Amino acid sequence: MKNKSTLFKKIIFIAIVIYAIITFIKQQKILNTYATQAENLKTQIAEAKENQDQLNKEKENVNSPEYIEAIAREKLDMYLPNERVYVDNEN
């Protein structure tokens, strides 16, 4: 009788240890996934901050004559009077 109870206790102990090991491994995988996601989000935040800085600089220059001239040339195809414009026609 004593032999059965010690064997039963050993089996229960081994089962608990195996369960704990499996649980630990699963949690490590989840933690690794979260760490990867955190790094990706940090990268996205850094890129967004850079973009925001660039937009703030552009916002500061939006009323400058140089910026208005550049936009007029690029977007509206407008040029200064008496300015010669050369167009490259490659067929």
N, C-alpha and C. Protein backbone atom coordinates (compact mmCIF):
# COMPACT_ATOMS: atom_id res chain seq x y z
N MET A 1 0.81 -1.19 0.00
CA MET A 1 0.00 0.00 0.00
C MET A 1 0.87 1.27 0.00
N LYS A 2 1.90 1.23 0.79
CA LYS A 2 2.82 2.37 0.87
C LYS A 2 3.54 2.56 -0.47
N ASN A 3 3.83 1.46 -1.12
CA ASN A 3 4.53 1.48 -2.39
C ASN A 3 3.67 2.14 -3.47
N LYS A 4 2.35 1.87 -3.45
CA LYS A 4 1.44 2.46 -4.43
C LYS A 4 1.32 3.96 -4.22
N SER A 5 1.27 4.40 -2.98
CA SER A 5 1.10 5.82 -2.71
C SER A 5 2.36 6.60 -3.08
N THR A 6 3.55 6.05 -2.87
CA THR A 6 4.77 6.75 -3.28
C THR A 6 4.88 6.79 -4.79
N LEU A 7 4.49 5.70 -5.45
CA LEU A 7 4.51 5.68 -6.91
C LEU A 7 3.52 6.70 -7.46
N PHE A 8 2.34 6.79 -6.86
CA PHE A 8 1.33 7.76 -7.29
C PHE A 8 1.84 9.19 -7.09
N LYS A 9 2.49 9.45 -5.97
CA LYS A 9 3.05 10.78 -5.71
C LYS A 9 4.13 11.14 -6.72
N LYS A 10 4.97 10.16 -7.08
CA LYS A 10 6.03 10.40 -8.06
C LYS A 10 5.42 10.72 -9.43
N ILE A 11 4.38 9.98 -9.80
CA ILE A 11 3.74 10.22 -11.09
C ILE A 11 3.11 11.61 -11.12
N ILE A 12 2.43 11.98 -10.04
CA ILE A 12 1.83 13.32 -9.96
C ILE A 12 2.91 14.39 -10.03
N PHE A 13 4.01 14.21 -9.32
CA PHE A 13 5.11 15.18 -9.34
C PHE A 13 5.70 15.33 -10.74
N ILE A 14 5.93 14.21 -11.42
CA ILE A 14 6.48 14.24 -12.77
C ILE A 14 5.51 14.93 -13.72
N ALA A 15 4.21 14.66 -13.59
CA ALA A 15 3.21 15.29 -14.44
C ALA A 15 3.20 16.81 -14.23
N ILE A 16 3.30 17.22 -12.98
CA ILE A 16 3.32 18.65 -12.68
C ILE A 16 4.56 19.31 -13.26
N VAL A 17 5.71 18.67 -13.16
CA VAL A 17 6.95 19.21 -13.70
C VAL A 17 6.86 19.32 -15.23
N ILE A 18 6.35 18.30 -15.88
CA ILE A 18 6.20 18.32 -17.34
C ILE A 18 5.24 19.43 -17.75
N TYR A 19 4.13 19.56 -17.02
CA TYR A 19 3.17 20.63 -17.32
C TYR A 19 3.83 22.00 -17.16
N ALA A 20 4.61 22.18 -16.11
CA ALA A 20 5.28 23.45 -15.88
C ALA A 20 6.27 23.76 -17.00
N ILE A 21 7.01 22.77 -17.46
CA ILE A 21 7.98 22.96 -18.54
C ILE A 21 7.26 23.35 -19.84
N ILE A 22 6.18 22.65 -20.15
CA ILE A 22 5.44 22.95 -21.38
C ILE A 22 4.85 24.36 -21.31
N THR A 23 4.30 24.71 -20.16
CA THR A 23 3.75 26.05 -19.98
C THR A 23 4.83 27.12 -20.12
N PHE A 24 5.99 26.88 -19.55
CA PHE A 24 7.11 27.82 -19.64
C PHE A 24 7.53 28.01 -21.09
N ILE A 25 7.62 26.94 -21.86
CA ILE A 25 8.03 27.03 -23.27
C ILE A 25 7.01 27.82 -24.07
N LYS A 26 5.72 27.56 -23.83
CA LYS A 26 4.68 28.31 -24.55
C LYS A 26 4.74 29.80 -24.21
N GLN A 27 4.96 30.11 -22.95
CA GLN A 27 5.03 31.52 -22.54
C GLN A 27 6.26 32.20 -23.14
N GLN A 28 7.36 31.49 -23.27
CA GLN A 28 8.55 32.07 -23.90
C GLN A 28 8.29 32.40 -25.36
N LYS A 29 7.57 31.52 -26.05
CA LYS A 29 7.23 31.79 -27.44
C LYS A 29 6.36 33.04 -27.55
N ILE A 30 5.39 33.16 -26.65
CA ILE A 30 4.51 34.33 -26.65
C ILE A 30 5.32 35.59 -26.35
N LEU A 31 6.21 35.52 -25.37
CA LEU A 31 7.04 36.68 -25.03
C LEU A 31 7.94 37.08 -26.20
N ASN A 32 8.48 36.12 -26.91
CA ASN A 32 9.31 36.43 -28.08
C ASN A 32 8.48 37.12 -29.16
N THR A 33 7.26 36.67 -29.34
CA THR A 33 6.37 37.30 -30.32
C THR A 33 6.09 38.74 -29.91
N TYR A 34 5.81 38.96 -28.63
CA TYR A 34 5.55 40.32 -28.15
C TYR A 34 6.79 41.21 -28.28
N ALA A 35 7.96 40.65 -28.04
CA ALA A 35 9.18 41.44 -28.17
C ALA A 35 9.40 41.86 -29.63
N THR A 36 9.13 40.95 -30.55
CA THR A 36 9.25 41.26 -31.97
C THR A 36 8.26 42.35 -32.37
N GLN A 37 7.02 42.23 -31.89
CA GLN A 37 6.02 43.24 -32.18
C GLN A 37 6.41 44.60 -31.60
N ALA A 38 6.98 44.59 -30.41
CA ALA A 38 7.42 45.85 -29.78
C ALA A 38 8.51 46.51 -30.61
N GLU A 39 9.46 45.74 -31.11
CA GLU A 39 10.52 46.29 -31.95
C GLU A 39 9.95 46.87 -33.24
N ASN A 40 9.00 46.16 -33.84
CA ASN A 40 8.37 46.66 -35.07
C ASN A 40 7.63 47.97 -34.80
N LEU A 41 6.94 48.04 -33.67
CA LEU A 41 6.22 49.26 -33.34
C LEU A 41 7.18 50.42 -33.05
N LYS A 42 8.30 50.13 -32.42
CA LYS A 42 9.29 51.17 -32.17
C LYS A 42 9.83 51.72 -33.49
N THR A 43 10.06 50.83 -34.45
CA THR A 43 10.54 51.25 -35.76
C THR A 43 9.48 52.12 -36.45
N GLN A 44 8.21 51.71 -36.37
CA GLN A 44 7.14 52.49 -36.98
C GLN A 44 7.02 53.86 -36.33
N ILE A 45 7.20 53.91 -35.01
CA ILE A 45 7.13 55.19 -34.30
C ILE A 45 8.26 56.11 -34.75
N ALA A 46 9.46 55.55 -34.88
CA ALA A 46 10.60 56.35 -35.32
C ALA A 46 10.36 56.89 -36.73
N GLU A 47 9.84 56.06 -37.62
CA GLU A 47 9.56 56.51 -38.98
C GLU A 47 8.48 57.59 -38.99
N ALA A 48 7.46 57.43 -38.14
CA ALA A 48 6.39 58.42 -38.08
C ALA A 48 6.92 59.75 -37.54
N LYS A 49 7.83 59.70 -36.57
CA LYS A 49 8.41 60.93 -36.04
C LYS A 49 9.25 61.64 -37.10
N GLU A 50 10.01 60.87 -37.87
CA GLU A 50 10.80 61.46 -38.96
C GLU A 50 9.88 62.12 -39.98
N ASN A 51 8.80 61.43 -40.32
CA ASN A 51 7.83 61.98 -41.27
C ASN A 51 7.19 63.25 -40.71
N GLN A 52 6.87 63.23 -39.42
CA GLN A 52 6.28 64.40 -38.79
C GLN A 52 7.26 65.57 -38.80
N ASP A 53 8.52 65.31 -38.50
CA ASP A 53 9.53 66.38 -38.54
C ASP A 53 9.64 66.97 -39.94
N GLN A 54 9.64 66.10 -40.94
CA GLN A 54 9.73 66.57 -42.32
C GLN A 54 8.51 67.41 -42.68
N LEU A 55 7.33 66.98 -42.27
CA LEU A 55 6.12 67.75 -42.56
C LEU A 55 6.11 69.07 -41.81
N ASN A 56 6.64 69.10 -40.58
CA ASN A 56 6.71 70.36 -39.84
C ASN A 56 7.65 71.34 -40.53
N LYS A 57 8.78 70.85 -41.05
CA LYS A 57 9.70 71.72 -41.78
C LYS A 57 9.03 72.26 -43.04
N GLU A 58 8.32 71.38 -43.73
CA GLU A 58 7.62 71.82 -44.95
C GLU A 58 6.52 72.82 -44.60
N LYS A 59 5.86 72.62 -43.48
CA LYS A 59 4.81 73.53 -43.04
C LYS A 59 5.37 74.93 -42.76
N GLU A 60 6.57 74.97 -42.17
CA GLU A 60 7.20 76.26 -41.88
C GLU A 60 7.55 77.01 -43.17
N ASN A 61 7.89 76.28 -44.22
CA ASN A 61 8.33 76.90 -45.48
C ASN A 61 7.21 77.09 -46.49
N VAL A 62 5.99 76.74 -46.14
CA VAL A 62 4.92 76.73 -47.13
C VAL A 62 4.60 78.13 -47.67
N ASN A 63 4.84 79.16 -46.90
CA ASN A 63 4.55 80.52 -47.37
C ASN A 63 5.77 81.23 -47.93
N SER A 64 6.88 80.55 -48.01
CA SER A 64 8.08 81.21 -48.54
C SER A 64 7.99 81.29 -50.07
N PRO A 65 8.55 82.34 -50.64
CA PRO A 65 8.49 82.49 -52.11
C PRO A 65 9.18 81.34 -52.85
N GLU A 66 10.25 80.81 -52.28
CA GLU A 66 10.96 79.70 -52.94
C GLU A 66 10.07 78.46 -53.03
N TYR A 67 9.34 78.17 -51.96
CA TYR A 67 8.46 77.01 -51.94
C TYR A 67 7.31 77.18 -52.93
N ILE A 68 6.73 78.37 -52.93
CA ILE A 68 5.63 78.64 -53.86
C ILE A 68 6.10 78.52 -55.30
N GLU A 69 7.29 79.02 -55.59
CA GLU A 69 7.85 78.92 -56.94
C GLU A 69 8.10 77.46 -57.31
N ALA A 70 8.66 76.69 -56.39
CA ALA A 70 8.94 75.28 -56.67
C ALA A 70 7.66 74.51 -56.95
N ILE A 71 6.63 74.74 -56.16
CA ILE A 71 5.36 74.06 -56.38
C ILE A 71 4.73 74.49 -57.70
N ALA A 72 4.82 75.77 -58.01
CA ALA A 72 4.27 76.26 -59.27
C ALA A 72 4.98 75.61 -60.46
N ARG A 73 6.27 75.43 -60.36
CA ARG A 73 7.03 74.80 -61.45
C ARG A 73 6.70 73.31 -61.56
N GLU A 74 6.70 72.61 -60.44
CA GLU A 74 6.54 71.16 -60.46
C GLU A 74 5.11 70.72 -60.73
N LYS A 75 4.17 71.31 -60.04
CA LYS A 75 2.79 70.83 -60.12
C LYS A 75 1.97 71.52 -61.20
N LEU A 76 2.22 72.81 -61.40
CA LEU A 76 1.37 73.58 -62.31
C LEU A 76 2.03 73.92 -63.63
N ASP A 77 3.28 73.52 -63.80
CA ASP A 77 4.03 73.83 -65.01
C ASP A 77 4.03 75.32 -65.32
N MET A 78 4.20 76.12 -64.31
CA MET A 78 4.27 77.58 -64.48
C MET A 78 5.73 78.01 -64.43
N TYR A 79 6.05 79.04 -65.18
CA TYR A 79 7.43 79.51 -65.23
C TYR A 79 7.44 81.03 -65.17
N LEU A 80 8.59 81.58 -64.87
CA LEU A 80 8.75 83.04 -64.80
C LEU A 80 8.67 83.65 -66.20
N PRO A 81 8.25 84.92 -66.28
CA PRO A 81 8.22 85.57 -67.61
C PRO A 81 9.63 85.63 -68.20
N ASN A 82 9.73 85.53 -69.49
CA ASN A 82 10.99 85.57 -70.24
C ASN A 82 11.93 84.41 -69.87
N GLU A 83 11.39 83.37 -69.32
CA GLU A 83 12.21 82.20 -68.97
C GLU A 83 12.08 81.17 -70.09
N ARG A 84 13.21 80.64 -70.51
CA ARG A 84 13.19 79.64 -71.58
C ARG A 84 13.07 78.25 -70.96
N VAL A 85 12.16 77.48 -71.51
CA VAL A 85 11.92 76.13 -71.02
C VAL A 85 12.25 75.16 -72.15
N TYR A 86 13.12 74.23 -71.85
CA TYR A 86 13.50 73.21 -72.83
C TYR A 86 12.85 71.90 -72.48
N VAL A 87 12.21 71.28 -73.46
CA VAL A 87 11.54 70.02 -73.25
C VAL A 87 12.28 68.96 -74.05
N ASP A 88 12.61 67.87 -73.40
CA ASP A 88 13.32 66.79 -74.05
C ASP A 88 12.29 65.79 -74.59
N ASN A 89 12.19 65.69 -75.90
CA ASN A 89 11.28 64.76 -76.53
C ASN A 89 12.04 63.54 -77.00
N GLU A 90 11.89 62.48 -76.28
CA GLU A 90 12.51 61.23 -76.69
C GLU A 90 11.44 60.31 -77.22
N ASN A 91 11.57 59.90 -78.47
CA ASN A 91 10.56 59.03 -79.08
C ASN A 91 11.05 57.65 -79.20
